[in-house]
């Protein structure tokens, strides 16, 4: 019984460590390539979209994302960019409207 618990604990610890490593690698890639929206590499563009999903809404950022949609060939990345634009436009409209 104790060996089973020990093995299960080690397995859970191993999976958790792999999860932490994967999260760190993904975050590292997003940080490294956060401005590569127009890169020829798919993963760099995906990482750049991850960065853009977190940035503050501005006219420049919205226009940049619109340019990206026109340029991008992959439908999945265009869809992600459309969601980012929608969020930015909603955020921008809330900033423009007066709070009562």
PDB file of N, CA and C in Angstrom:
ATOM      1  N   UNK A   1       0.823  -1.203   0.000  1.00  0.00           N
ATOM      2  CA  UNK A   1       0.000   0.000   0.000  1.00  0.00           C
ATOM      3  C   UNK A   1       0.871   1.273   0.000  1.00  0.00           C
ATOM      4  N   UNK A   2       1.929   1.275   0.830  1.00  0.00           N
ATOM      5  CA  UNK A   2       2.792   2.452   0.912  1.00  0.00           C
ATOM      6  C   UNK A   2       3.545   2.678  -0.386  1.00  0.00           C
ATOM      7  N   UNK A   3       3.936   1.592  -1.064  1.00  0.00           N
ATOM      8  CA  UNK A   3       4.636   1.737  -2.340  1.00  0.00           C
ATOM      9  C   UNK A   3       3.721   2.362  -3.386  1.00  0.00           C
ATOM     10  N   UNK A   4       2.439   1.982  -3.364  1.00  0.00           N
ATOM     11  CA  UNK A   4       1.475   2.571  -4.309  1.00  0.00           C
ATOM     12  C   UNK A   4       1.319   4.064  -4.077  1.00  0.00           C
ATOM     13  N   UNK A   5       1.225   4.459  -2.848  1.00  0.00           N
ATOM     14  CA  UNK A   5       1.080   5.878  -2.508  1.00  0.00           C
ATOM     15  C   UNK A   5       2.340   6.641  -2.918  1.00  0.00           C
ATOM     16  N   UNK A   6       3.495   6.040  -2.678  1.00  0.00           N
ATOM     17  CA  UNK A   6       4.752   6.678  -3.052  1.00  0.00           C
ATOM     18  C   UNK A   6       4.846   6.831  -4.567  1.00  0.00           C
ATOM     19  N   UNK A   7       4.494   5.795  -5.313  1.00  0.00           N
ATOM     20  CA  UNK A   7       4.521   5.869  -6.774  1.00  0.00           C
ATOM     21  C   UNK A   7       3.526   6.898  -7.298  1.00  0.00           C
ATOM     22  N   UNK A   8       2.351   6.901  -6.728  1.00  0.00           N
ATOM     23  CA  UNK A   8       1.337   7.875  -7.147  1.00  0.00           C
ATOM     24  C   UNK A   8       1.812   9.288  -6.861  1.00  0.00           C
ATOM     25  N   UNK A   9       2.396   9.494  -5.704  1.00  0.00           N
ATOM     26  CA  UNK A   9       2.920  10.812  -5.348  1.00  0.00           C
ATOM     27  C   UNK A   9       4.019  11.261  -6.290  1.00  0.00           C
ATOM     28  N   UNK A  10       4.913  10.343  -6.621  1.00  0.00           N
ATOM     29  CA  UNK A  10       5.984  10.682  -7.564  1.00  0.00           C
ATOM     30  C   UNK A  10       5.430  10.975  -8.947  1.00  0.00           C
ATOM     31  N   UNK A  11       4.422  10.221  -9.363  1.00  0.00           N
ATOM     32  CA  UNK A  11       3.806  10.463 -10.672  1.00  0.00           C
ATOM     33  C   UNK A  11       3.141  11.837 -10.705  1.00  0.00           C
ATOM     34  N   UNK A  12       2.417  12.171  -9.655  1.00  0.00           N
ATOM     35  CA  UNK A  12       1.755  13.480  -9.579  1.00  0.00           C
ATOM     36  C   UNK A  12       2.796  14.590  -9.565  1.00  0.00           C
ATOM     37  N   UNK A  13       3.860  14.396  -8.822  1.00  0.00           N
ATOM     38  CA  UNK A  13       4.933  15.391  -8.776  1.00  0.00           C
ATOM     39  C   UNK A  13       5.578  15.557 -10.156  1.00  0.00           C
ATOM     40  N   UNK A  14       5.797  14.450 -10.850  1.00  0.00           N
ATOM     41  CA  UNK A  14       6.377  14.508 -12.191  1.00  0.00           C
ATOM     42  C   UNK A  14       5.488  15.252 -13.168  1.00  0.00           C
ATOM     43  N   UNK A  15       4.194  14.983 -13.126  1.00  0.00           N
ATOM     44  CA  UNK A  15       3.247  15.670 -14.006  1.00  0.00           C
ATOM     45  C   UNK A  15       3.205  17.159 -13.672  1.00  0.00           C
ATOM     46  N   UNK A  16       3.212  17.479 -12.390  1.00  0.00           N
ATOM     47  CA  UNK A  16       3.195  18.887 -11.981  1.00  0.00           C
ATOM     48  C   UNK A  16       4.455  19.606 -12.467  1.00  0.00           C
ATOM     49  N   UNK A  17       5.592  18.963 -12.340  1.00  0.00           N
ATOM     50  CA  UNK A  17       6.842  19.579 -12.803  1.00  0.00           C
ATOM     51  C   UNK A  17       6.831  19.777 -14.320  1.00  0.00           C
ATOM     52  N   UNK A  18       6.301  18.809 -15.050  1.00  0.00           N
ATOM     53  CA  UNK A  18       6.178  18.970 -16.502  1.00  0.00           C
ATOM     54  C   UNK A  18       5.241  20.129 -16.857  1.00  0.00           C
ATOM     55  N   UNK A  19       4.163  20.276 -16.101  1.00  0.00           N
ATOM     56  CA  UNK A  19       3.241  21.384 -16.322  1.00  0.00           C
ATOM     57  C   UNK A  19       3.896  22.724 -16.078  1.00  0.00           C
ATOM     58  N   UNK A  20       4.657  22.812 -15.012  1.00  0.00           N
ATOM     59  CA  UNK A  20       5.368  24.057 -14.698  1.00  0.00           C
ATOM     60  C   UNK A  20       6.392  24.367 -15.792  1.00  0.00           C
ATOM     61  N   UNK A  21       7.118  23.350 -16.228  1.00  0.00           N
ATOM     62  CA  UNK A  21       8.103  23.542 -17.289  1.00  0.00           C
ATOM     63  C   UNK A  21       7.435  23.999 -18.590  1.00  0.00           C
ATOM     64  N   UNK A  22       6.327  23.376 -18.943  1.00  0.00           N
ATOM     65  CA  UNK A  22       5.608  23.767 -20.158  1.00  0.00           C
ATOM     66  C   UNK A  22       5.111  25.207 -20.056  1.00  0.00           C
ATOM     67  N   UNK A  23       4.557  25.582 -18.913  1.00  0.00           N
ATOM     68  CA  UNK A  23       4.069  26.951 -18.723  1.00  0.00           C
ATOM     69  C   UNK A  23       5.220  27.952 -18.830  1.00  0.00           C
ATOM     70  N   UNK A  24       6.359  27.611 -18.237  1.00  0.00           N
ATOM     71  CA  UNK A  24       7.513  28.493 -18.310  1.00  0.00           C
ATOM     72  C   UNK A  24       8.001  28.658 -19.748  1.00  0.00           C
ATOM     73  N   UNK A  25       8.059  27.552 -20.493  1.00  0.00           N
ATOM     74  CA  UNK A  25       8.504  27.628 -21.883  1.00  0.00           C
ATOM     75  C   UNK A  25       7.558  28.466 -22.735  1.00  0.00           C
ATOM     76  N   UNK A  26       6.272  28.294 -22.528  1.00  0.00           N
ATOM     77  CA  UNK A  26       5.286  29.074 -23.278  1.00  0.00           C
ATOM     78  C   UNK A  26       5.426  30.554 -22.946  1.00  0.00           C
ATOM     79  N   UNK A  27       5.546  30.868 -21.665  1.00  0.00           N
ATOM     80  CA  UNK A  27       5.699  32.267 -21.263  1.00  0.00           C
ATOM     81  C   UNK A  27       6.979  32.861 -21.841  1.00  0.00           C
ATOM     82  N   UNK A  28       8.048  32.082 -21.839  1.00  0.00           N
ATOM     83  CA  UNK A  28       9.312  32.537 -22.400  1.00  0.00           C
ATOM     84  C   UNK A  28       9.173  32.847 -23.887  1.00  0.00           C
ATOM     85  N   UNK A  29       8.496  31.988 -24.615  1.00  0.00           N
ATOM     86  CA  UNK A  29       8.302  32.207 -26.044  1.00  0.00           C
ATOM     87  C   UNK A  29       7.450  33.441 -26.307  1.00  0.00           C
ATOM     88  N   UNK A  30       6.419  33.633 -25.510  1.00  0.00           N
ATOM     89  CA  UNK A  30       5.566  34.813 -25.677  1.00  0.00           C
ATOM     90  C   UNK A  30       6.373  36.080 -25.414  1.00  0.00           C
ATOM     91  N   UNK A  31       7.185  36.070 -24.370  1.00  0.00           N
ATOM     92  CA  UNK A  31       7.997  37.235 -24.055  1.00  0.00           C
ATOM     93  C   UNK A  31       9.018  37.515 -25.148  1.00  0.00           C
ATOM     94  N   UNK A  32       9.664  36.457 -25.644  1.00  0.00           N
ATOM     95  CA  UNK A  32      10.703  36.613 -26.652  1.00  0.00           C
ATOM     96  C   UNK A  32      10.164  37.136 -27.974  1.00  0.00           C
ATOM     97  N   UNK A  33       9.015  36.679 -28.352  1.00  0.00           N
ATOM     98  CA  UNK A  33       8.510  36.958 -29.690  1.00  0.00           C
ATOM     99  C   UNK A  33       7.224  37.785 -29.674  1.00  0.00           C
ATOM    100  N   UNK A  34       7.068  38.590 -28.653  1.00  0.00           N
ATOM    101  CA  UNK A  34       5.801  39.280 -28.485  1.00  0.00           C
ATOM    102  C   UNK A  34       5.504  40.304 -29.579  1.00  0.00           C
ATOM    103  N   UNK A  35       6.497  40.723 -30.312  1.00  0.00           N
ATOM    104  CA  UNK A  35       6.270  41.721 -31.354  1.00  0.00           C
ATOM    105  C   UNK A  35       6.389  41.144 -32.768  1.00  0.00           C
ATOM    106  N   UNK A  36       6.403  39.829 -32.871  1.00  0.00           N
ATOM    107  CA  UNK A  36       6.583  39.183 -34.166  1.00  0.00           C
ATOM    108  C   UNK A  36       5.264  38.877 -34.871  1.00  0.00           C
ATOM    109  N   UNK A  37       4.376  39.825 -34.924  1.00  0.00           N
ATOM    110  CA  UNK A  37       3.073  39.592 -35.562  1.00  0.00           C
ATOM    111  C   UNK A  37       3.205  39.207 -37.033  1.00  0.00           C
ATOM    112  N   UNK A  38       4.181  39.735 -37.713  1.00  0.00           N
ATOM    113  CA  UNK A  38       4.307  39.501 -39.147  1.00  0.00           C
ATOM    114  C   UNK A  38       5.476  38.566 -39.471  1.00  0.00           C
ATOM    115  N   UNK A  39       5.819  37.725 -38.531  1.00  0.00           N
ATOM    116  CA  UNK A  39       6.884  36.751 -38.738  1.00  0.00           C
ATOM    117  C   UNK A  39       6.419  35.661 -39.707  1.00  0.00           C
ATOM    118  N   UNK A  40       7.323  35.068 -40.450  1.00  0.00           N
ATOM    119  CA  UNK A  40       6.939  33.944 -41.306  1.00  0.00           C
ATOM    120  C   UNK A  40       6.654  32.674 -40.499  1.00  0.00           C
ATOM    121  N   UNK A  41       7.003  32.654 -39.232  1.00  0.00           N
ATOM    122  CA  UNK A  41       6.820  31.463 -38.394  1.00  0.00           C
ATOM    123  C   UNK A  41       5.507  31.532 -37.622  1.00  0.00           C
ATOM    124  N   UNK A  42       4.730  30.465 -37.729  1.00  0.00           N
ATOM    125  CA  UNK A  42       3.410  30.375 -37.107  1.00  0.00           C
ATOM    126  C   UNK A  42       3.471  30.586 -35.593  1.00  0.00           C
ATOM    127  N   UNK A  43       4.368  29.879 -34.913  1.00  0.00           N
ATOM    128  CA  UNK A  43       4.420  29.972 -33.452  1.00  0.00           C
ATOM    129  C   UNK A  43       4.817  31.358 -32.968  1.00  0.00           C
ATOM    130  N   UNK A  44       5.646  32.038 -33.712  1.00  0.00           N
ATOM    131  CA  UNK A  44       5.999  33.414 -33.331  1.00  0.00           C
ATOM    132  C   UNK A  44       4.792  34.341 -33.470  1.00  0.00           C
ATOM    133  N   UNK A  45       4.015  34.141 -34.534  1.00  0.00           N
ATOM    134  CA  UNK A  45       2.807  34.957 -34.698  1.00  0.00           C
ATOM    135  C   UNK A  45       1.809  34.642 -33.590  1.00  0.00           C
ATOM    136  N   UNK A  46       1.686  33.366 -33.242  1.00  0.00           N
ATOM    137  CA  UNK A  46       0.794  32.973 -32.152  1.00  0.00           C
ATOM    138  C   UNK A  46       1.238  33.598 -30.832  1.00  0.00           C
ATOM    139  N   UNK A  47       2.531  33.584 -30.561  1.00  0.00           N
ATOM    140  CA  UNK A  47       3.061  34.211 -29.346  1.00  0.00           C
ATOM    141  C   UNK A  47       2.809  35.713 -29.351  1.00  0.00           C
ATOM    142  N   UNK A  48       2.970  36.338 -30.498  1.00  0.00           N
ATOM    143  CA  UNK A  48       2.712  37.777 -30.601  1.00  0.00           C
ATOM    144  C   UNK A  48       1.242  38.082 -30.338  1.00  0.00           C
ATOM    145  N   UNK A  49       0.359  37.220 -30.806  1.00  0.00           N
ATOM    146  CA  UNK A  49      -1.069  37.417 -30.516  1.00  0.00           C
ATOM    147  C   UNK A  49      -1.340  37.271 -29.023  1.00  0.00           C
ATOM    148  N   UNK A  50      -0.646  36.343 -28.378  1.00  0.00           N
ATOM    149  CA  UNK A  50      -0.781  36.210 -26.929  1.00  0.00           C
ATOM    150  C   UNK A  50      -0.383  37.476 -26.208  1.00  0.00           C
ATOM    151  N   UNK A  51       0.647  38.112 -26.690  1.00  0.00           N
ATOM    152  CA  UNK A  51       1.066  39.396 -26.115  1.00  0.00           C
ATOM    153  C   UNK A  51       0.015  40.479 -26.385  1.00  0.00           C
ATOM    154  N   UNK A  52      -0.445  40.534 -27.631  1.00  0.00           N
ATOM    155  CA  UNK A  52      -1.419  41.566 -28.000  1.00  0.00           C
ATOM    156  C   UNK A  52      -2.739  41.404 -27.241  1.00  0.00           C
ATOM    157  N   UNK A  53      -3.054  40.194 -26.834  1.00  0.00           N
ATOM    158  CA  UNK A  53      -4.281  39.964 -26.079  1.00  0.00           C
ATOM    159  C   UNK A  53      -4.244  40.660 -24.722  1.00  0.00           C
ATOM    160  N   UNK A  54      -3.050  40.980 -24.247  1.00  0.00           N
ATOM    161  CA  UNK A  54      -2.905  41.584 -22.919  1.00  0.00           C
ATOM    162  C   UNK A  54      -2.647  43.082 -22.945  1.00  0.00           C
ATOM    163  N   UNK A  55      -2.318  43.631 -24.117  1.00  0.00           N
ATOM    164  CA  UNK A  55      -1.946  45.048 -24.146  1.00  0.00           C
ATOM    165  C   UNK A  55      -3.172  45.939 -24.054  1.00  0.00           C
ATOM    166  N   UNK A  56      -2.911  47.161 -23.670  1.00  0.00           N
ATOM    167  CA  UNK A  56      -3.973  48.160 -23.532  1.00  0.00           C
ATOM    168  C   UNK A  56      -4.545  48.518 -24.903  1.00  0.00           C
ATOM    169  N   UNK A  57      -5.829  48.756 -24.919  1.00  0.00           N
ATOM    170  CA  UNK A  57      -6.500  49.139 -26.163  1.00  0.00           C
ATOM    171  C   UNK A  57      -6.079  50.548 -26.566  1.00  0.00           C
ATOM    172  N   UNK A  58      -5.751  50.692 -27.836  1.00  0.00           N
ATOM    173  CA  UNK A  58      -5.444  51.995 -28.403  1.00  0.00           C
ATOM    174  C   UNK A  58      -5.774  51.942 -29.891  1.00  0.00           C
ATOM    175  N   UNK A  59      -5.908  53.087 -30.488  1.00  0.00           N
ATOM    176  CA  UNK A  59      -6.197  53.146 -31.914  1.00  0.00           C
ATOM    177  C   UNK A  59      -5.072  52.475 -32.695  1.00  0.00           C
ATOM    178  N   UNK A  60      -3.837  52.727 -32.305  1.00  0.00           N
ATOM    179  CA  UNK A  60      -2.692  52.114 -32.993  1.00  0.00           C
ATOM    180  C   UNK A  60      -2.726  50.591 -32.903  1.00  0.00           C
ATOM    181  N   UNK A  61      -3.014  50.077 -31.704  1.00  0.00           N
ATOM    182  CA  UNK A  61      -3.056  48.617 -31.546  1.00  0.00           C
ATOM    183  C   UNK A  61      -4.213  47.999 -32.334  1.00  0.00           C
ATOM    184  N   UNK A  62      -5.356  48.653 -32.342  1.00  0.00           N
ATOM    185  CA  UNK A  62      -6.501  48.148 -33.109  1.00  0.00           C
ATOM    186  C   UNK A  62      -6.181  48.156 -34.598  1.00  0.00           C
ATOM    187  N   UNK A  63      -5.574  49.222 -35.074  1.00  0.00           N
ATOM    188  CA  UNK A  63      -5.195  49.281 -36.492  1.00  0.00           C
ATOM    189  C   UNK A  63      -4.130  48.238 -36.839  1.00  0.00           C
ATOM    190  N   UNK A  64      -3.192  48.015 -35.940  1.00  0.00           N
ATOM    191  CA  UNK A  64      -2.179  46.995 -36.152  1.00  0.00           C
ATOM    192  C   UNK A  64      -2.825  45.622 -36.283  1.00  0.00           C
ATOM    193  N   UNK A  65      -3.787  45.331 -35.420  1.00  0.00           N
ATOM    194  CA  UNK A  65      -4.472  44.036 -35.477  1.00  0.00           C
ATOM    195  C   UNK A  65      -5.298  43.912 -36.759  1.00  0.00           C
ATOM    196  N   UNK A  66      -5.894  44.986 -37.209  1.00  0.00           N
ATOM    197  CA  UNK A  66      -6.646  44.941 -38.477  1.00  0.00           C
ATOM    198  C   UNK A  66      -5.707  44.669 -39.649  1.00  0.00           C
ATOM    199  N   UNK A  67      -4.541  45.298 -39.640  1.00  0.00           N
ATOM    200  CA  UNK A  67      -3.543  45.020 -40.677  1.00  0.00           C
ATOM    201  C   UNK A  67      -3.107  43.557 -40.639  1.00  0.00           C
ATOM    202  N   UNK A  68      -2.955  43.042 -39.420  1.00  0.00           N
ATOM    203  CA  UNK A  68      -2.563  41.640 -39.269  1.00  0.00           C
ATOM    204  C   UNK A  68      -3.610  40.708 -39.877  1.00  0.00           C
ATOM    205  N   UNK A  69      -4.880  40.987 -39.641  1.00  0.00           N
ATOM    206  CA  UNK A  69      -5.949  40.143 -40.192  1.00  0.00           C
ATOM    207  C   UNK A  69      -5.909  40.143 -41.714  1.00  0.00           C
ATOM    208  N   UNK A  70      -5.659  41.294 -42.302  1.00  0.00           N
ATOM    209  CA  UNK A  70      -5.569  41.361 -43.760  1.00  0.00           C
ATOM    210  C   UNK A  70      -4.359  40.596 -44.289  1.00  0.00           C
ATOM    211  N   UNK A  71      -3.290  40.555 -43.524  1.00  0.00           N
ATOM    212  CA  UNK A  71      -2.052  39.919 -43.953  1.00  0.00           C
ATOM    213  C   UNK A  71      -2.037  38.410 -43.699  1.00  0.00           C
ATOM    214  N   UNK A  72      -2.630  37.988 -42.592  1.00  0.00           N
ATOM    215  CA  UNK A  72      -2.530  36.600 -42.130  1.00  0.00           C
ATOM    216  C   UNK A  72      -3.263  35.620 -43.046  1.00  0.00           C
ATOM    217  N   UNK A  73      -2.631  34.461 -43.289  1.00  0.00           N
ATOM    218  CA  UNK A  73      -3.228  33.421 -44.128  1.00  0.00           C
ATOM    219  C   UNK A  73      -3.999  32.389 -43.318  1.00  0.00           C
ATOM    220  N   UNK A  74      -3.593  32.145 -42.094  1.00  0.00           N
ATOM    221  CA  UNK A  74      -4.216  31.109 -41.260  1.00  0.00           C
ATOM    222  C   UNK A  74      -5.494  31.633 -40.621  1.00  0.00           C
ATOM    223  N   UNK A  75      -6.571  30.912 -40.874  1.00  0.00           N
ATOM    224  CA  UNK A  75      -7.885  31.326 -40.352  1.00  0.00           C
ATOM    225  C   UNK A  75      -7.895  31.322 -38.825  1.00  0.00           C
ATOM    226  N   UNK A  76      -7.235  30.359 -38.204  1.00  0.00           N
ATOM    227  CA  UNK A  76      -7.235  30.279 -36.742  1.00  0.00           C
ATOM    228  C   UNK A  76      -6.593  31.527 -36.124  1.00  0.00           C
ATOM    229  N   UNK A  77      -5.531  32.021 -36.727  1.00  0.00           N
ATOM    230  CA  UNK A  77      -4.895  33.230 -36.199  1.00  0.00           C
ATOM    231  C   UNK A  77      -5.731  34.469 -36.492  1.00  0.00           C
ATOM    232  N   UNK A  78      -6.374  34.494 -37.646  1.00  0.00           N
ATOM    233  CA  UNK A  78      -7.271  35.629 -37.946  1.00  0.00           C
ATOM    234  C   UNK A  78      -8.433  35.668 -36.957  1.00  0.00           C
ATOM    235  N   UNK A  79      -8.983  34.496 -36.621  1.00  0.00           N
ATOM    236  CA  UNK A  79     -10.072  34.444 -35.641  1.00  0.00           C
ATOM    237  C   UNK A  79      -9.615  34.942 -34.279  1.00  0.00           C
ATOM    238  N   UNK A  80      -8.427  34.532 -33.876  1.00  0.00           N
ATOM    239  CA  UNK A  80      -7.872  34.994 -32.585  1.00  0.00           C
ATOM    240  C   UNK A  80      -7.684  36.512 -32.603  1.00  0.00           C
ATOM    241  N   UNK A  81      -7.197  37.032 -33.718  1.00  0.00           N
ATOM    242  CA  UNK A  81      -6.992  38.476 -33.836  1.00  0.00           C
ATOM    243  C   UNK A  81      -8.330  39.217 -33.794  1.00  0.00           C
ATOM    244  N   UNK A  82      -9.353  38.642 -34.398  1.00  0.00           N
ATOM    245  CA  UNK A  82     -10.687  39.280 -34.355  1.00  0.00           C
ATOM    246  C   UNK A  82     -11.203  39.374 -32.922  1.00  0.00           C
ATOM    247  N   UNK A  83     -10.975  38.326 -32.132  1.00  0.00           N
ATOM    248  CA  UNK A  83     -11.384  38.366 -30.724  1.00  0.00           C
ATOM    249  C   UNK A  83     -10.619  39.438 -29.958  1.00  0.00           C
ATOM    250  N   UNK A  84      -9.355  39.578 -30.264  1.00  0.00           N
ATOM    251  CA  UNK A  84      -8.545  40.608 -29.602  1.00  0.00           C
ATOM    252  C   UNK A  84      -9.046  41.995 -29.982  1.00  0.00           C
ATOM    253  N   UNK A  85      -9.363  42.187 -31.253  1.00  0.00           N
ATOM    254  CA  UNK A  85      -9.901  43.477 -31.698  1.00  0.00           C
ATOM    255  C   UNK A  85     -11.218  43.774 -30.997  1.00  0.00           C
ATOM    256  N   UNK A  86     -12.075  42.778 -30.899  1.00  0.00           N
ATOM    257  CA  UNK A  86     -13.371  42.972 -30.237  1.00  0.00           C
ATOM    258  C   UNK A  86     -13.169  43.431 -28.792  1.00  0.00           C
ATOM    259  N   UNK A  87     -12.232  42.771 -28.083  1.00  0.00           N
ATOM    260  CA  UNK A  87     -11.946  43.160 -26.710  1.00  0.00           C
ATOM    261  C   UNK A  87     -11.402  44.578 -26.638  1.00  0.00           C
ATOM    262  N   UNK A  88     -10.506  44.910 -27.549  1.00  0.00           N
ATOM    263  CA  UNK A  88      -9.915  46.253 -27.551  1.00  0.00           C
ATOM    264  C   UNK A  88     -10.961  47.312 -27.868  1.00  0.00           C
ATOM    265  N   UNK A  89     -11.833  47.046 -28.822  1.00  0.00           N
ATOM    266  CA  UNK A  89     -12.865  48.022 -29.169  1.00  0.00           C
ATOM    267  C   UNK A  89     -13.832  48.236 -28.014  1.00  0.00           C
ATOM    268  N   UNK A  90     -14.190  47.157 -27.325  1.00  0.00           N
ATOM    269  CA  UNK A  90     -15.066  47.302 -26.152  1.00  0.00           C
ATOM    270  C   UNK A  90     -14.376  48.106 -25.058  1.00  0.00           C
ATOM    271  N   UNK A  91     -13.104  47.820 -24.836  1.00  0.00           N
ATOM    272  CA  UNK A  91     -12.335  48.557 -23.828  1.00  0.00           C
ATOM    273  C   UNK A  91     -12.216  50.030 -24.198  1.00  0.00           C
ATOM    274  N   UNK A  92     -11.952  50.288 -25.472  1.00  0.00           N
ATOM    275  CA  UNK A  92     -11.807  51.666 -25.928  1.00  0.00           C
ATOM    276  C   UNK A  92     -13.131  52.421 -25.819  1.00  0.00           C
ATOM    277  N   UNK A  93     -14.238  51.768 -26.138  1.00  0.00           N
ATOM    278  CA  UNK A  93     -15.533  52.451 -26.051  1.00  0.00           C
ATOM    279  C   UNK A  93     -15.900  52.740 -24.610  1.00  0.00           C
ATOM    280  N   UNK A  94     -15.486  51.892 -23.682  1.00  0.00           N
ATOM    281  CA  UNK A  94     -15.748  52.155 -22.262  1.00  0.00           C
ATOM    282  C   UNK A  94     -14.915  53.342 -21.768  1.00  0.00           C
ATOM    283  N   UNK A  95     -13.718  53.503 -22.335  1.00  0.00           N
ATOM    284  CA  UNK A  95     -12.871  54.631 -21.934  1.00  0.00           C
ATOM    285  C   UNK A  95     -13.421  55.951 -22.487  1.00  0.00           C
ATOM    286  N   UNK A  96     -14.054  55.885 -23.666  1.00  0.00           N
ATOM    287  CA  UNK A  96     -14.592  57.091 -24.283  1.00  0.00           C
ATOM    288  C   UNK A  96     -15.901  57.551 -23.664  1.00  0.00           C
ATOM    289  N   UNK A  97     -16.694  56.613 -23.166  1.00  0.00           N
ATOM    290  CA  UNK A  97     -18.006  56.994 -22.635  1.00  0.00           C
ATOM    291  C   UNK A  97     -17.853  57.549 -21.232  1.00  0.00           C
ATOM    292  N   UNK A  98     -18.619  58.590 -20.921  1.00  0.00           N
ATOM    293  CA  UNK A  98     -18.530  59.191 -19.579  1.00  0.00           C
ATOM    294  C   UNK A  98     -19.156  58.275 -18.525  1.00  0.00           C
ATOM    295  N   UNK A  99     -18.539  58.209 -17.380  1.00  0.00           N
ATOM    296  CA  UNK A  99     -19.065  57.388 -16.276  1.00  0.00           C
ATOM    297  C   UNK A  99     -20.029  58.235 -15.444  1.00  0.00           C
ATOM    298  N   UNK A 100     -21.213  57.738 -15.267  1.00  0.00           N
ATOM    299  CA  UNK A 100     -22.216  58.464 -14.458  1.00  0.00           C
ATOM    300  C   UNK A 100     -22.435  57.795 -13.157  1.00  0.00           C
TER     301      UNK A 100
END
